[in-house]
């Protein structure tokens, strides 16, 4: 959806018409800027990918050379920095793909319970070093939405839960009904989220690798 950029009375030749035309121009420019921001992540990801690949391949070549021990620390820092940039690049690309998927997704009525049952069974095979449990309602939970996007969201939560839980631990996928809402939780053992997480956890591209309990 876009901004409505046309005000009533823009064709009137008086002071109110001048004001209406000024607001219409302002909103049109805001519309253009908003469109630019929506595509910025994808554009940056495309532009950064090639130079970052050059940097990483150069570091690979340097590590194969006889580098003085004193310089190894700087080489390792450069490697860590390139890995962080690559992680940001992947996150930007993922954010762009998610936005495109949401815009193109077709809504349908579906039962969330068998969808989650199948997903949890698949995670057990994909991550054999973790145990998976499902706590689901006994009856159907009918939603009007996009099943593929639900699974995509759950995939991200499970990836996070695996990263921050010890091997052999149990990751629980829980679905509860609260009033007219279906509440989906992913619970894992591990260190707690940092203090600033509640205020920043839904910011685009924000991440904290110091520990986290995915719930």
N, C-alpha and C. Protein backbone atom coordinates (compact mmCIF):
# COMPACT_ATOMS: atom_id res chain seq x y z
N UNK A 1 0.84 -1.19 0.00
CA UNK A 1 0.00 0.00 0.00
C UNK A 1 0.88 1.23 0.00
N UNK A 2 0.42 2.30 -0.71
CA UNK A 2 1.19 3.52 -0.77
C UNK A 2 0.47 4.65 -0.09
N UNK A 3 1.18 5.75 0.05
CA UNK A 3 0.59 6.93 0.66
C UNK A 3 -0.37 7.59 -0.31
N UNK A 4 -1.43 8.17 0.23
CA UNK A 4 -2.35 8.99 -0.58
C UNK A 4 -1.72 10.37 -0.70
N UNK A 5 -1.36 10.74 -1.91
CA UNK A 5 -0.60 11.97 -2.12
C UNK A 5 -1.43 13.10 -2.70
N UNK A 6 -2.71 12.88 -2.92
CA UNK A 6 -3.56 13.91 -3.51
C UNK A 6 -4.53 14.46 -2.47
N UNK A 7 -4.46 15.75 -2.22
CA UNK A 7 -5.37 16.41 -1.28
C UNK A 7 -6.54 17.02 -2.05
N UNK A 8 -7.72 17.04 -1.42
CA UNK A 8 -8.84 17.74 -2.06
C UNK A 8 -8.51 19.23 -2.21
N UNK A 9 -8.92 19.78 -3.28
CA UNK A 9 -8.74 21.22 -3.47
C UNK A 9 -7.41 21.62 -4.06
N UNK A 10 -6.61 20.65 -4.56
CA UNK A 10 -5.31 21.02 -5.11
C UNK A 10 -5.44 21.85 -6.39
N UNK A 11 -6.60 21.79 -7.04
CA UNK A 11 -6.78 22.56 -8.26
C UNK A 11 -7.34 23.95 -8.02
N UNK A 12 -7.64 24.27 -6.75
CA UNK A 12 -8.22 25.58 -6.44
C UNK A 12 -7.12 26.63 -6.40
N UNK A 13 -7.41 27.80 -7.01
CA UNK A 13 -6.41 28.86 -7.08
C UNK A 13 -6.60 29.85 -5.94
N UNK A 14 -6.40 29.40 -4.72
CA UNK A 14 -6.43 30.30 -3.57
C UNK A 14 -5.42 29.79 -2.56
N UNK A 15 -5.43 30.38 -1.33
CA UNK A 15 -4.43 30.01 -0.33
C UNK A 15 -4.59 28.55 0.11
N UNK A 16 -5.83 28.08 0.25
CA UNK A 16 -6.05 26.69 0.63
C UNK A 16 -5.55 25.74 -0.46
N UNK A 17 -5.73 26.14 -1.70
CA UNK A 17 -5.21 25.33 -2.80
C UNK A 17 -3.70 25.26 -2.76
N UNK A 18 -3.05 26.41 -2.43
CA UNK A 18 -1.59 26.42 -2.33
C UNK A 18 -1.11 25.46 -1.23
N UNK A 19 -1.83 25.48 -0.09
CA UNK A 19 -1.47 24.58 1.01
C UNK A 19 -1.66 23.13 0.60
N UNK A 20 -2.79 22.84 -0.07
CA UNK A 20 -3.06 21.47 -0.50
C UNK A 20 -2.00 20.98 -1.48
N UNK A 21 -1.59 21.85 -2.40
CA UNK A 21 -0.57 21.46 -3.37
C UNK A 21 0.77 21.23 -2.69
N UNK A 22 1.08 22.05 -1.68
CA UNK A 22 2.34 21.87 -0.95
C UNK A 22 2.37 20.53 -0.22
N UNK A 23 1.25 20.18 0.43
CA UNK A 23 1.18 18.89 1.13
C UNK A 23 1.23 17.73 0.13
N UNK A 24 0.61 17.88 -1.01
CA UNK A 24 0.65 16.82 -2.02
C UNK A 24 2.08 16.60 -2.50
N UNK A 25 2.81 17.68 -2.73
CA UNK A 25 4.20 17.57 -3.16
C UNK A 25 5.05 16.91 -2.08
N UNK A 26 4.83 17.32 -0.83
CA UNK A 26 5.58 16.75 0.29
C UNK A 26 5.34 15.24 0.41
N UNK A 27 4.07 14.84 0.32
CA UNK A 27 3.75 13.43 0.45
C UNK A 27 4.26 12.62 -0.74
N UNK A 28 4.29 13.22 -1.91
CA UNK A 28 4.83 12.52 -3.08
C UNK A 28 6.32 12.25 -2.89
N UNK A 29 7.03 13.24 -2.34
CA UNK A 29 8.46 13.03 -2.08
C UNK A 29 8.67 11.99 -1.00
N UNK A 30 7.80 12.00 0.03
CA UNK A 30 7.88 11.00 1.08
C UNK A 30 7.61 9.61 0.53
N UNK A 31 6.67 9.52 -0.41
CA UNK A 31 6.38 8.24 -1.06
C UNK A 31 7.60 7.73 -1.80
N UNK A 32 8.30 8.60 -2.51
CA UNK A 32 9.49 8.19 -3.24
C UNK A 32 10.58 7.73 -2.28
N UNK A 33 10.77 8.46 -1.18
CA UNK A 33 11.79 8.11 -0.21
C UNK A 33 11.48 6.79 0.47
N UNK A 34 10.19 6.56 0.77
CA UNK A 34 9.79 5.30 1.39
C UNK A 34 10.06 4.13 0.45
N UNK A 35 9.76 4.30 -0.82
CA UNK A 35 10.05 3.26 -1.79
C UNK A 35 11.53 2.97 -1.90
N UNK A 36 12.34 4.03 -1.81
CA UNK A 36 13.80 3.85 -1.85
C UNK A 36 14.28 3.05 -0.64
N UNK A 37 13.76 3.38 0.55
CA UNK A 37 14.16 2.67 1.75
C UNK A 37 13.76 1.20 1.70
N UNK A 38 12.61 0.91 1.10
CA UNK A 38 12.16 -0.48 1.03
C UNK A 38 13.09 -1.33 0.20
N UNK A 39 13.74 -0.75 -0.78
CA UNK A 39 14.64 -1.52 -1.65
C UNK A 39 16.11 -1.34 -1.27
N UNK A 40 16.39 -0.53 -0.24
CA UNK A 40 17.77 -0.21 0.10
C UNK A 40 18.55 -1.44 0.54
N UNK A 41 17.94 -2.29 1.39
CA UNK A 41 18.66 -3.46 1.89
C UNK A 41 19.09 -4.37 0.75
N UNK A 42 18.19 -4.62 -0.19
CA UNK A 42 18.54 -5.46 -1.32
C UNK A 42 19.64 -4.85 -2.18
N UNK A 43 19.56 -3.53 -2.38
CA UNK A 43 20.59 -2.86 -3.19
C UNK A 43 21.95 -2.93 -2.51
N UNK A 44 21.99 -2.67 -1.20
CA UNK A 44 23.25 -2.72 -0.47
C UNK A 44 23.83 -4.13 -0.47
N UNK A 45 22.97 -5.13 -0.26
CA UNK A 45 23.44 -6.51 -0.27
C UNK A 45 24.08 -6.86 -1.60
N UNK A 46 23.47 -6.41 -2.69
CA UNK A 46 24.02 -6.69 -4.01
C UNK A 46 25.36 -5.98 -4.21
N UNK A 47 25.45 -4.73 -3.77
CA UNK A 47 26.68 -3.96 -3.98
C UNK A 47 27.83 -4.45 -3.10
N UNK A 48 27.53 -4.93 -1.90
CA UNK A 48 28.57 -5.33 -0.96
C UNK A 48 29.10 -6.73 -1.26
N UNK A 49 28.30 -7.57 -1.88
CA UNK A 49 28.66 -8.98 -2.03
C UNK A 49 30.00 -9.17 -2.73
N UNK A 50 30.23 -8.50 -3.86
CA UNK A 50 31.46 -8.71 -4.62
C UNK A 50 32.70 -8.22 -3.88
N UNK A 51 32.75 -6.96 -3.38
CA UNK A 51 33.95 -6.55 -2.64
C UNK A 51 34.21 -7.39 -1.40
N UNK A 52 33.17 -7.85 -0.73
CA UNK A 52 33.36 -8.69 0.44
C UNK A 52 33.96 -10.04 0.04
N UNK A 53 33.54 -10.57 -1.09
CA UNK A 53 34.12 -11.82 -1.59
C UNK A 53 35.60 -11.65 -1.88
N UNK A 54 35.98 -10.50 -2.43
CA UNK A 54 37.39 -10.22 -2.71
C UNK A 54 38.19 -10.16 -1.41
N UNK A 55 37.64 -9.49 -0.40
CA UNK A 55 38.33 -9.39 0.88
C UNK A 55 38.52 -10.78 1.49
N UNK A 56 37.48 -11.60 1.49
CA UNK A 56 37.57 -12.92 2.10
C UNK A 56 38.56 -13.82 1.35
N UNK A 57 38.56 -13.77 0.03
CA UNK A 57 39.52 -14.58 -0.74
C UNK A 57 40.95 -14.11 -0.51
N UNK A 58 41.13 -12.78 -0.36
CA UNK A 58 42.47 -12.26 -0.07
C UNK A 58 42.95 -12.72 1.30
N UNK A 59 42.05 -12.76 2.28
CA UNK A 59 42.42 -13.27 3.60
C UNK A 59 42.78 -14.75 3.53
N UNK A 60 42.06 -15.51 2.72
CA UNK A 60 42.39 -16.92 2.54
C UNK A 60 43.81 -17.07 2.00
N UNK A 61 44.16 -16.25 1.01
CA UNK A 61 45.49 -16.32 0.43
C UNK A 61 46.56 -15.91 1.44
N UNK A 62 46.27 -14.88 2.24
CA UNK A 62 47.23 -14.44 3.24
C UNK A 62 47.48 -15.52 4.30
N UNK A 63 46.41 -16.20 4.70
CA UNK A 63 46.56 -17.23 5.72
C UNK A 63 47.39 -18.40 5.22
N UNK A 64 47.46 -18.57 3.91
CA UNK A 64 48.28 -19.65 3.34
C UNK A 64 49.75 -19.25 3.21
N UNK A 65 50.05 -17.97 3.39
CA UNK A 65 51.42 -17.48 3.28
C UNK A 65 52.13 -17.55 4.63
N UNK A 66 53.44 -17.35 4.59
CA UNK A 66 54.24 -17.30 5.81
C UNK A 66 54.11 -15.91 6.42
N UNK A 67 53.12 -15.74 7.25
CA UNK A 67 52.86 -14.44 7.87
C UNK A 67 53.51 -14.43 9.25
N UNK A 68 54.22 -13.34 9.62
CA UNK A 68 54.84 -13.26 10.95
C UNK A 68 53.81 -13.46 12.05
N UNK A 69 54.26 -14.06 13.15
CA UNK A 69 53.34 -14.36 14.25
C UNK A 69 52.67 -13.10 14.77
N UNK A 70 53.41 -11.99 14.80
CA UNK A 70 52.85 -10.73 15.32
C UNK A 70 51.70 -10.24 14.45
N UNK A 71 51.72 -10.60 13.16
CA UNK A 71 50.67 -10.14 12.25
C UNK A 71 49.47 -11.07 12.24
N UNK A 72 49.61 -12.26 12.82
CA UNK A 72 48.51 -13.21 12.82
C UNK A 72 47.29 -12.68 13.56
N UNK A 73 47.53 -11.93 14.63
CA UNK A 73 46.41 -11.38 15.40
C UNK A 73 45.59 -10.41 14.56
N UNK A 74 46.28 -9.58 13.77
CA UNK A 74 45.56 -8.63 12.91
C UNK A 74 44.83 -9.37 11.80
N UNK A 75 45.43 -10.44 11.31
CA UNK A 75 44.78 -11.25 10.26
C UNK A 75 43.51 -11.89 10.80
N UNK A 76 43.58 -12.38 12.04
CA UNK A 76 42.42 -13.01 12.65
C UNK A 76 41.31 -11.98 12.89
N UNK A 77 41.68 -10.76 13.30
CA UNK A 77 40.67 -9.71 13.48
C UNK A 77 40.00 -9.38 12.16
N UNK A 78 40.79 -9.31 11.08
CA UNK A 78 40.22 -9.02 9.76
C UNK A 78 39.28 -10.14 9.34
N UNK A 79 39.65 -11.39 9.66
CA UNK A 79 38.79 -12.53 9.34
C UNK A 79 37.47 -12.44 10.10
N UNK A 80 37.54 -12.13 11.40
CA UNK A 80 36.34 -12.01 12.20
C UNK A 80 35.44 -10.89 11.70
N UNK A 81 36.08 -9.76 11.32
CA UNK A 81 35.30 -8.65 10.78
C UNK A 81 34.60 -9.01 9.48
N UNK A 82 35.29 -9.74 8.61
CA UNK A 82 34.67 -10.14 7.35
C UNK A 82 33.53 -11.11 7.58
N UNK A 83 33.66 -11.98 8.59
CA UNK A 83 32.58 -12.90 8.90
C UNK A 83 31.36 -12.16 9.43
N UNK A 84 31.60 -11.13 10.24
CA UNK A 84 30.47 -10.34 10.74
C UNK A 84 29.77 -9.61 9.60
N UNK A 85 30.56 -9.05 8.69
CA UNK A 85 29.96 -8.38 7.53
C UNK A 85 29.17 -9.37 6.68
N UNK A 86 29.69 -10.58 6.54
CA UNK A 86 28.97 -11.58 5.76
C UNK A 86 27.65 -11.95 6.43
N UNK A 87 27.66 -12.03 7.78
CA UNK A 87 26.43 -12.33 8.50
C UNK A 87 25.40 -11.22 8.31
N UNK A 88 25.86 -9.97 8.33
CA UNK A 88 24.96 -8.84 8.10
C UNK A 88 24.40 -8.89 6.67
N UNK A 89 25.26 -9.23 5.72
CA UNK A 89 24.84 -9.33 4.32
C UNK A 89 23.76 -10.39 4.15
N UNK A 90 23.95 -11.54 4.80
CA UNK A 90 22.96 -12.61 4.72
C UNK A 90 21.65 -12.17 5.36
N UNK A 91 21.75 -11.45 6.49
CA UNK A 91 20.54 -10.99 7.16
C UNK A 91 19.78 -9.99 6.30
N UNK A 92 20.51 -9.10 5.62
CA UNK A 92 19.86 -8.13 4.74
C UNK A 92 19.15 -8.83 3.59
N UNK A 93 19.82 -9.82 3.00
CA UNK A 93 19.19 -10.55 1.92
C UNK A 93 17.97 -11.31 2.39
N UNK A 94 18.07 -11.90 3.60
CA UNK A 94 16.93 -12.63 4.14
C UNK A 94 15.76 -11.70 4.41
N UNK A 95 16.05 -10.50 4.95
CA UNK A 95 14.99 -9.53 5.22
C UNK A 95 14.27 -9.13 3.94
N UNK A 96 15.04 -8.94 2.87
CA UNK A 96 14.43 -8.58 1.59
C UNK A 96 13.56 -9.70 1.06
N UNK A 97 14.05 -10.95 1.18
CA UNK A 97 13.27 -12.09 0.69
C UNK A 97 12.00 -12.27 1.49
N UNK A 98 12.10 -12.05 2.81
CA UNK A 98 10.91 -12.20 3.65
C UNK A 98 9.87 -11.16 3.28
N UNK A 99 10.30 -9.91 3.06
CA UNK A 99 9.35 -8.85 2.69
C UNK A 99 8.69 -9.18 1.36
N UNK A 100 9.47 -9.69 0.40
CA UNK A 100 8.90 -10.06 -0.89
C UNK A 100 7.93 -11.23 -0.73
N UNK A 101 8.31 -12.20 0.13
CA UNK A 101 7.44 -13.36 0.33
C UNK A 101 6.12 -12.96 0.98
N UNK A 102 6.18 -12.05 1.93
CA UNK A 102 4.96 -11.59 2.60
C UNK A 102 4.05 -10.89 1.60
N UNK A 103 4.66 -10.07 0.74
CA UNK A 103 3.86 -9.35 -0.24
C UNK A 103 3.20 -10.26 -1.25
N UNK A 104 3.85 -11.41 -1.56
CA UNK A 104 3.32 -12.30 -2.60
C UNK A 104 2.54 -13.48 -2.04
N UNK A 105 2.51 -13.62 -0.71
CA UNK A 105 1.89 -14.80 -0.10
C UNK A 105 0.38 -14.82 -0.33
N UNK A 106 -0.13 -16.00 -0.60
CA UNK A 106 -1.58 -16.19 -0.75
C UNK A 106 -2.14 -16.72 0.56
N UNK A 107 -3.20 -16.10 1.03
CA UNK A 107 -3.83 -16.50 2.28
C UNK A 107 -4.81 -17.64 2.05
N UNK A 108 -4.92 -18.51 3.05
CA UNK A 108 -5.87 -19.62 2.98
C UNK A 108 -6.24 -20.02 4.40
N UNK A 109 -7.29 -20.81 4.52
CA UNK A 109 -7.68 -21.34 5.83
C UNK A 109 -7.00 -22.69 6.02
N UNK A 110 -6.33 -22.86 7.17
CA UNK A 110 -5.61 -24.11 7.41
C UNK A 110 -5.58 -24.40 8.90
N UNK A 111 -5.31 -25.66 9.23
CA UNK A 111 -5.21 -26.11 10.60
C UNK A 111 -3.75 -26.02 11.03
N UNK A 112 -3.46 -25.22 12.05
CA UNK A 112 -2.09 -25.00 12.49
C UNK A 112 -1.49 -26.22 13.18
N UNK A 113 -2.32 -27.07 13.80
CA UNK A 113 -1.80 -28.19 14.59
C UNK A 113 -1.03 -29.21 13.73
N UNK A 114 -1.60 -29.75 12.65
CA UNK A 114 -0.81 -30.69 11.83
C UNK A 114 0.39 -30.04 11.16
N UNK A 115 0.29 -28.74 10.88
CA UNK A 115 1.43 -28.04 10.29
C UNK A 115 2.61 -28.04 11.26
N UNK A 116 2.35 -27.74 12.53
CA UNK A 116 3.41 -27.73 13.54
C UNK A 116 3.91 -29.14 13.83
N UNK A 117 3.00 -30.11 13.84
CA UNK A 117 3.40 -31.50 14.08
C UNK A 117 4.41 -31.96 13.03
N UNK A 118 4.13 -31.68 11.77
CA UNK A 118 5.04 -32.07 10.69
C UNK A 118 6.37 -31.32 10.78
N UNK A 119 6.31 -30.04 11.13
CA UNK A 119 7.53 -29.24 11.22
C UNK A 119 8.44 -29.75 12.34
N UNK A 120 7.87 -30.04 13.51
CA UNK A 120 8.68 -30.52 14.63
C UNK A 120 9.31 -31.86 14.30
N UNK A 121 8.58 -32.74 13.63
CA UNK A 121 9.14 -34.02 13.22
C UNK A 121 10.33 -33.82 12.27
N UNK A 122 10.23 -32.85 11.38
CA UNK A 122 11.32 -32.57 10.44
C UNK A 122 12.53 -32.00 11.17
N UNK A 123 12.32 -31.17 12.18
CA UNK A 123 13.45 -30.60 12.92
C UNK A 123 14.24 -31.70 13.64
N UNK A 124 13.55 -32.75 14.12
CA UNK A 124 14.25 -33.84 14.78
C UNK A 124 15.26 -34.51 13.87
N UNK A 125 14.93 -34.63 12.58
CA UNK A 125 15.87 -35.20 11.62
C UNK A 125 16.96 -34.24 11.21
N UNK A 126 16.61 -32.94 11.15
CA UNK A 126 17.59 -31.95 10.71
C UNK A 126 18.62 -31.62 11.79
N UNK A 127 18.22 -31.72 13.07
CA UNK A 127 19.12 -31.40 14.17
C UNK A 127 19.19 -32.57 15.14
N UNK A 128 19.91 -33.63 14.78
CA UNK A 128 19.94 -34.83 15.63
C UNK A 128 20.60 -34.62 16.99
N UNK A 129 21.35 -33.54 17.15
CA UNK A 129 22.00 -33.27 18.44
C UNK A 129 21.06 -32.63 19.44
N UNK A 130 19.83 -32.37 19.05
CA UNK A 130 18.81 -31.81 19.96
C UNK A 130 17.59 -32.72 19.97
N UNK A 131 16.85 -32.68 21.08
CA UNK A 131 15.57 -33.36 21.15
C UNK A 131 14.46 -32.32 20.98
N UNK A 132 13.39 -32.70 20.32
CA UNK A 132 12.29 -31.77 20.06
C UNK A 132 11.00 -32.33 20.64
N UNK A 133 10.24 -31.45 21.28
CA UNK A 133 8.95 -31.81 21.85
C UNK A 133 7.90 -30.83 21.36
N UNK A 134 6.68 -31.31 21.20
CA UNK A 134 5.57 -30.47 20.76
C UNK A 134 4.45 -30.55 21.79
N UNK A 135 4.02 -29.39 22.26
CA UNK A 135 2.87 -29.30 23.17
C UNK A 135 1.77 -28.55 22.43
N UNK A 136 0.81 -29.31 21.89
CA UNK A 136 -0.20 -28.75 20.99
C UNK A 136 -1.59 -29.05 21.51
N UNK A 137 -2.58 -28.22 21.18
CA UNK A 137 -3.97 -28.49 21.57
C UNK A 137 -4.46 -29.80 20.97
N UNK A 138 -5.39 -30.47 21.63
CA UNK A 138 -5.90 -31.74 21.09
C UNK A 138 -6.77 -31.58 19.86
N UNK A 139 -7.39 -30.42 19.70
CA UNK A 139 -8.27 -30.21 18.57
C UNK A 139 -7.66 -29.29 17.54
N UNK A 140 -8.37 -29.04 16.45
CA UNK A 140 -7.85 -28.17 15.38
C UNK A 140 -7.77 -26.71 15.81
N UNK A 141 -6.82 -25.99 15.22
CA UNK A 141 -6.69 -24.55 15.40
C UNK A 141 -6.69 -23.95 14.00
N UNK A 142 -7.81 -23.42 13.57
CA UNK A 142 -7.98 -22.95 12.21
C UNK A 142 -7.57 -21.48 12.12
N UNK A 143 -6.67 -21.20 11.18
CA UNK A 143 -6.21 -19.83 10.95
C UNK A 143 -6.50 -19.43 9.51
N UNK A 144 -6.57 -18.14 9.30
CA UNK A 144 -6.66 -17.56 7.96
C UNK A 144 -5.35 -16.84 7.73
N UNK A 145 -4.44 -17.44 6.96
CA UNK A 145 -3.12 -16.85 6.77
C UNK A 145 -2.32 -17.60 5.72
N UNK A 146 -0.99 -17.50 5.84
CA UNK A 146 -0.08 -18.12 4.87
C UNK A 146 0.74 -19.19 5.58
N UNK A 147 0.44 -20.48 5.37
CA UNK A 147 1.18 -21.55 6.06
C UNK A 147 2.68 -21.50 5.83
N UNK A 148 3.11 -21.19 4.61
CA UNK A 148 4.54 -21.16 4.31
C UNK A 148 5.27 -20.13 5.16
N UNK A 149 4.62 -18.98 5.40
CA UNK A 149 5.26 -17.95 6.21
C UNK A 149 5.32 -18.35 7.67
N UNK A 150 4.32 -19.09 8.15
CA UNK A 150 4.35 -19.60 9.52
C UNK A 150 5.56 -20.52 9.70
N UNK A 151 5.77 -21.42 8.76
CA UNK A 151 6.89 -22.35 8.84
C UNK A 151 8.21 -21.61 8.72
N UNK A 152 8.26 -20.62 7.85
CA UNK A 152 9.49 -19.83 7.69
C UNK A 152 9.84 -19.12 8.99
N UNK A 153 8.85 -18.55 9.66
CA UNK A 153 9.09 -17.91 10.95
C UNK A 153 9.58 -18.92 11.98
N UNK A 154 8.95 -20.09 12.00
CA UNK A 154 9.33 -21.13 12.95
C UNK A 154 10.75 -21.62 12.68
N UNK A 155 11.13 -21.72 11.41
CA UNK A 155 12.50 -22.12 11.06
C UNK A 155 13.52 -21.19 11.71
N UNK A 156 13.26 -19.88 11.65
CA UNK A 156 14.19 -18.91 12.23
C UNK A 156 14.28 -19.09 13.74
N UNK A 157 13.15 -19.30 14.39
CA UNK A 157 13.15 -19.49 15.84
C UNK A 157 13.89 -20.76 16.23
N UNK A 158 13.71 -21.82 15.45
CA UNK A 158 14.39 -23.08 15.75
C UNK A 158 15.89 -22.94 15.53
N UNK A 159 16.30 -22.29 14.45
CA UNK A 159 17.73 -22.05 14.22
C UNK A 159 18.36 -21.34 15.41
N UNK A 160 17.67 -20.33 15.90
CA UNK A 160 18.15 -19.57 17.05
C UNK A 160 18.21 -20.46 18.30
N UNK A 161 17.18 -21.29 18.50
CA UNK A 161 17.15 -22.16 19.67
C UNK A 161 18.29 -23.18 19.64
N UNK A 162 18.60 -23.70 18.46
CA UNK A 162 19.71 -24.65 18.33
C UNK A 162 21.04 -23.97 18.63
N UNK A 163 21.20 -22.75 18.14
CA UNK A 163 22.45 -22.01 18.35
C UNK A 163 22.73 -21.78 19.82
N UNK A 164 21.69 -21.52 20.62
CA UNK A 164 21.88 -21.08 21.99
C UNK A 164 21.52 -22.14 23.03
N UNK A 165 21.40 -23.39 22.62
CA UNK A 165 21.09 -24.45 23.57
C UNK A 165 22.20 -25.49 23.55
N UNK A 166 22.46 -26.16 24.67
CA UNK A 166 23.51 -27.19 24.70
C UNK A 166 23.09 -28.45 23.98
N UNK A 167 24.07 -29.19 23.48
CA UNK A 167 23.79 -30.45 22.79
C UNK A 167 23.06 -31.40 23.73
N UNK A 168 22.10 -32.12 23.19
CA UNK A 168 21.34 -33.08 23.97
C UNK A 168 20.14 -32.50 24.69
N UNK A 169 19.99 -31.18 24.67
CA UNK A 169 18.87 -30.55 25.37
C UNK A 169 17.60 -30.62 24.52
N UNK A 170 16.48 -30.30 25.17
CA UNK A 170 15.18 -30.37 24.51
C UNK A 170 14.70 -28.98 24.11
N UNK A 171 14.23 -28.86 22.89
CA UNK A 171 13.61 -27.64 22.38
C UNK A 171 12.11 -27.92 22.24
N UNK A 172 11.31 -27.10 22.87
CA UNK A 172 9.86 -27.34 22.91
C UNK A 172 9.13 -26.31 22.06
N UNK A 173 8.27 -26.81 21.18
CA UNK A 173 7.38 -25.96 20.39
C UNK A 173 6.00 -26.07 21.03
N UNK A 174 5.48 -24.94 21.49
CA UNK A 174 4.23 -24.95 22.26
C UNK A 174 3.20 -24.03 21.59
N UNK A 175 1.99 -24.53 21.45
CA UNK A 175 0.88 -23.75 20.91
C UNK A 175 -0.22 -23.70 21.95
N UNK A 176 -0.62 -22.48 22.33
CA UNK A 176 -1.66 -22.30 23.32
C UNK A 176 -2.73 -21.36 22.77
N UNK A 177 -3.94 -21.55 23.24
CA UNK A 177 -5.05 -20.69 22.85
C UNK A 177 -5.35 -19.75 23.99
N UNK A 178 -5.31 -18.45 23.70
CA UNK A 178 -5.61 -17.42 24.69
C UNK A 178 -6.66 -16.49 24.11
N UNK A 179 -7.88 -16.58 24.64
CA UNK A 179 -9.01 -15.83 24.09
C UNK A 179 -9.17 -16.17 22.61
N UNK A 180 -9.07 -15.18 21.74
CA UNK A 180 -9.22 -15.43 20.31
C UNK A 180 -7.88 -15.54 19.61
N UNK A 181 -6.79 -15.66 20.37
CA UNK A 181 -5.45 -15.67 19.78
C UNK A 181 -4.81 -17.04 19.93
N UNK A 182 -4.00 -17.41 18.94
CA UNK A 182 -3.16 -18.61 19.00
C UNK A 182 -1.73 -18.15 19.30
N UNK A 183 -1.19 -18.57 20.44
CA UNK A 183 0.13 -18.14 20.90
C UNK A 183 1.13 -19.26 20.66
N UNK A 184 2.13 -18.99 19.83
CA UNK A 184 3.16 -19.97 19.48
C UNK A 184 4.45 -19.62 20.21
N UNK A 185 5.03 -20.59 20.91
CA UNK A 185 6.27 -20.38 21.66
C UNK A 185 7.31 -21.43 21.26
N UNK A 186 8.57 -21.01 21.26
CA UNK A 186 9.69 -21.93 21.12
C UNK A 186 10.56 -21.74 22.36
N UNK A 187 10.74 -22.81 23.13
CA UNK A 187 11.47 -22.71 24.40
C UNK A 187 12.70 -23.61 24.37
N UNK A 188 13.82 -23.07 24.80
CA UNK A 188 15.05 -23.85 24.89
C UNK A 188 15.84 -23.45 26.12
N UNK A 189 16.66 -24.34 26.60
CA UNK A 189 17.56 -24.01 27.71
C UNK A 189 18.76 -23.26 27.17
N UNK A 190 19.35 -22.42 28.02
CA UNK A 190 20.49 -21.63 27.59
C UNK A 190 20.58 -20.36 28.38
N UNK A 191 21.59 -19.54 28.14
CA UNK A 191 21.75 -18.28 28.87
C UNK A 191 20.63 -17.31 28.54
N UNK A 192 20.32 -16.37 29.45
CA UNK A 192 19.22 -15.44 29.21
C UNK A 192 19.58 -14.39 28.17
N UNK A 193 18.56 -13.76 27.65
CA UNK A 193 18.76 -12.64 26.73
C UNK A 193 19.41 -11.47 27.46
N UNK A 194 20.21 -10.66 26.77
CA UNK A 194 20.80 -9.48 27.41
C UNK A 194 19.72 -8.48 27.83
N UNK A 195 20.10 -7.58 28.74
CA UNK A 195 19.13 -6.66 29.34
C UNK A 195 18.44 -5.78 28.30
N UNK A 196 19.17 -5.42 27.22
CA UNK A 196 18.57 -4.50 26.24
C UNK A 196 17.69 -5.21 25.23
N UNK A 197 17.63 -6.54 25.27
CA UNK A 197 16.91 -7.31 24.25
C UNK A 197 15.43 -6.98 24.15
N UNK A 198 14.68 -6.85 25.27
CA UNK A 198 13.24 -6.59 25.13
C UNK A 198 12.92 -5.35 24.31
N UNK A 199 13.80 -4.34 24.35
CA UNK A 199 13.55 -3.11 23.59
C UNK A 199 14.05 -3.19 22.16
N UNK A 200 14.96 -4.13 21.86
CA UNK A 200 15.60 -4.13 20.55
C UNK A 200 15.37 -5.40 19.74
N UNK A 201 14.72 -6.40 20.35
CA UNK A 201 14.68 -7.72 19.73
C UNK A 201 13.97 -7.72 18.38
N UNK A 202 13.05 -6.78 18.15
CA UNK A 202 12.33 -6.74 16.88
C UNK A 202 12.89 -5.70 15.92
N UNK A 203 14.05 -5.13 16.24
CA UNK A 203 14.70 -4.20 15.31
C UNK A 203 15.28 -4.98 14.13
N UNK A 204 15.21 -4.39 12.94
CA UNK A 204 15.76 -5.03 11.76
C UNK A 204 17.27 -5.21 11.89
N UNK A 205 17.74 -6.44 11.64
CA UNK A 205 19.16 -6.80 11.61
C UNK A 205 19.83 -6.79 12.97
N UNK A 206 19.09 -6.53 14.06
CA UNK A 206 19.72 -6.56 15.39
C UNK A 206 20.00 -8.00 15.78
N UNK A 207 21.17 -8.23 16.37
CA UNK A 207 21.48 -9.55 16.86
C UNK A 207 22.40 -9.44 18.06
N UNK A 208 22.36 -10.47 18.89
CA UNK A 208 23.24 -10.53 20.05
C UNK A 208 23.74 -11.95 20.16
N UNK A 209 25.04 -12.11 20.06
CA UNK A 209 25.63 -13.45 20.12
C UNK A 209 26.22 -13.75 21.49
N UNK A 210 25.91 -12.89 22.47
CA UNK A 210 26.43 -13.12 23.82
C UNK A 210 25.63 -14.13 24.58
N UNK A 211 24.55 -14.62 24.01
CA UNK A 211 23.70 -15.61 24.68
C UNK A 211 22.27 -15.27 24.43
N UNK A 212 21.38 -16.23 24.57
CA UNK A 212 19.96 -15.94 24.38
C UNK A 212 19.11 -17.14 24.64
N UNK A 213 17.98 -16.93 25.21
CA UNK A 213 16.99 -17.98 25.44
C UNK A 213 15.83 -17.70 24.49
N UNK A 214 15.68 -18.55 23.51
CA UNK A 214 14.65 -18.31 22.49
C UNK A 214 13.29 -18.71 23.04
N UNK A 215 12.48 -17.74 23.28
CA UNK A 215 11.14 -18.03 23.80
C UNK A 215 10.17 -17.01 23.22
